[in-house]
Amino acid sequence: MATQVGEVYICSVCGHKVEVLEAGAGDLVCCEEEMIKADG
């Protein structure tokens, strides 16, 4: 998965949110699960 600056991702386990500050490749992981891209 490639991330873009400004995207927000949420952990489906604990609810932690992160905002991408620098674009890159790879998966964002929290609580041993891939994070989900937040809608709008």
N, C-alpha and C. Protein backbone atom coordinates (compact mmCIF):
# COMPACT_ATOMS: atom_id res chain seq x y z
N MET A 1 0.86 -1.17 0.00
CA MET A 1 0.00 0.00 0.00
C MET A 1 0.90 1.23 0.00
N ALA A 2 0.61 2.19 -0.82
CA ALA A 2 1.33 3.46 -0.83
C ALA A 2 0.49 4.49 -0.10
N THR A 3 1.12 5.25 0.75
CA THR A 3 0.41 6.29 1.49
C THR A 3 0.69 7.65 0.87
N GLN A 4 -0.26 8.57 1.06
CA GLN A 4 -0.13 9.93 0.56
C GLN A 4 -0.23 10.90 1.73
N VAL A 5 0.48 12.01 1.62
CA VAL A 5 0.47 13.04 2.67
C VAL A 5 -0.97 13.48 2.93
N GLY A 6 -1.33 13.57 4.21
CA GLY A 6 -2.65 14.03 4.63
C GLY A 6 -3.66 12.93 4.87
N GLU A 7 -3.39 11.71 4.41
CA GLU A 7 -4.32 10.61 4.65
C GLU A 7 -4.34 10.27 6.14
N VAL A 8 -5.49 9.80 6.61
CA VAL A 8 -5.65 9.40 8.01
C VAL A 8 -6.00 7.92 8.03
N TYR A 9 -5.33 7.19 8.92
CA TYR A 9 -5.56 5.75 9.08
C TYR A 9 -5.97 5.48 10.51
N ILE A 10 -6.86 4.48 10.69
CA ILE A 10 -7.40 4.14 12.00
C ILE A 10 -7.16 2.66 12.29
N CYS A 11 -6.80 2.36 13.54
CA CYS A 11 -6.65 0.98 13.98
C CYS A 11 -8.04 0.45 14.35
N SER A 12 -8.41 -0.68 13.75
CA SER A 12 -9.73 -1.26 14.02
C SER A 12 -9.79 -1.94 15.38
N VAL A 13 -8.64 -2.12 16.04
CA VAL A 13 -8.62 -2.78 17.35
C VAL A 13 -8.72 -1.75 18.48
N CYS A 14 -7.80 -0.76 18.49
CA CYS A 14 -7.76 0.19 19.61
C CYS A 14 -8.28 1.58 19.27
N GLY A 15 -8.49 1.86 17.97
CA GLY A 15 -9.01 3.17 17.57
C GLY A 15 -7.96 4.24 17.38
N HIS A 16 -6.69 3.90 17.52
CA HIS A 16 -5.59 4.86 17.34
C HIS A 16 -5.65 5.42 15.93
N LYS A 17 -5.43 6.74 15.78
CA LYS A 17 -5.44 7.39 14.48
C LYS A 17 -4.07 7.95 14.18
N VAL A 18 -3.66 7.87 12.90
CA VAL A 18 -2.41 8.49 12.46
C VAL A 18 -2.66 9.26 11.17
N GLU A 19 -1.95 10.38 11.01
CA GLU A 19 -2.00 11.15 9.78
C GLU A 19 -0.64 11.04 9.10
N VAL A 20 -0.65 10.79 7.80
CA VAL A 20 0.59 10.62 7.05
C VAL A 20 1.23 11.99 6.83
N LEU A 21 2.49 12.13 7.26
CA LEU A 21 3.25 13.36 7.09
C LEU A 21 4.24 13.27 5.94
N GLU A 22 4.62 12.03 5.59
CA GLU A 22 5.57 11.80 4.50
C GLU A 22 5.11 10.56 3.73
N ALA A 23 4.86 10.73 2.43
CA ALA A 23 4.37 9.63 1.60
C ALA A 23 5.40 8.51 1.51
N GLY A 24 4.91 7.29 1.35
CA GLY A 24 5.83 6.17 1.23
C GLY A 24 5.09 4.88 0.91
N ALA A 25 5.86 3.82 0.77
CA ALA A 25 5.29 2.50 0.49
C ALA A 25 5.31 1.67 1.77
N GLY A 26 4.47 0.66 1.81
CA GLY A 26 4.43 -0.23 2.97
C GLY A 26 3.08 -0.19 3.64
N ASP A 27 2.93 -1.00 4.68
CA ASP A 27 1.68 -1.10 5.42
C ASP A 27 1.81 -0.42 6.77
N LEU A 28 0.76 0.28 7.18
CA LEU A 28 0.71 0.84 8.52
C LEU A 28 0.06 -0.21 9.41
N VAL A 29 0.73 -0.56 10.52
CA VAL A 29 0.27 -1.64 11.39
C VAL A 29 0.17 -1.15 12.82
N CYS A 30 -0.91 -1.55 13.49
CA CYS A 30 -1.13 -1.25 14.91
C CYS A 30 -1.85 -2.46 15.50
N CYS A 31 -1.51 -2.84 16.71
CA CYS A 31 -2.13 -4.00 17.38
C CYS A 31 -2.05 -5.25 16.50
N GLU A 32 -0.95 -5.38 15.77
CA GLU A 32 -0.68 -6.52 14.90
C GLU A 32 -1.69 -6.67 13.77
N GLU A 33 -2.41 -5.59 13.42
CA GLU A 33 -3.40 -5.58 12.33
C GLU A 33 -3.09 -4.40 11.41
N GLU A 34 -3.35 -4.56 10.11
CA GLU A 34 -3.17 -3.48 9.17
C GLU A 34 -4.20 -2.38 9.45
N MET A 35 -3.75 -1.13 9.46
CA MET A 35 -4.65 -0.01 9.73
C MET A 35 -5.53 0.26 8.51
N ILE A 36 -6.70 0.83 8.76
CA ILE A 36 -7.71 1.09 7.73
C ILE A 36 -7.72 2.58 7.41
N LYS A 37 -7.75 2.91 6.10
CA LYS A 37 -7.81 4.31 5.68
C LYS A 37 -9.17 4.89 6.05
N ALA A 38 -9.16 6.05 6.74
CA ALA A 38 -10.38 6.71 7.15
C ALA A 38 -11.05 7.39 5.96
N ASP A 39 -12.35 7.38 5.92
CA ASP A 39 -13.10 8.06 4.86
C ASP A 39 -13.18 9.56 5.17
N GLY A 40 -13.01 10.35 4.13
CA GLY A 40 -13.15 11.80 4.11
C GLY A 40 -12.92 12.48 5.36
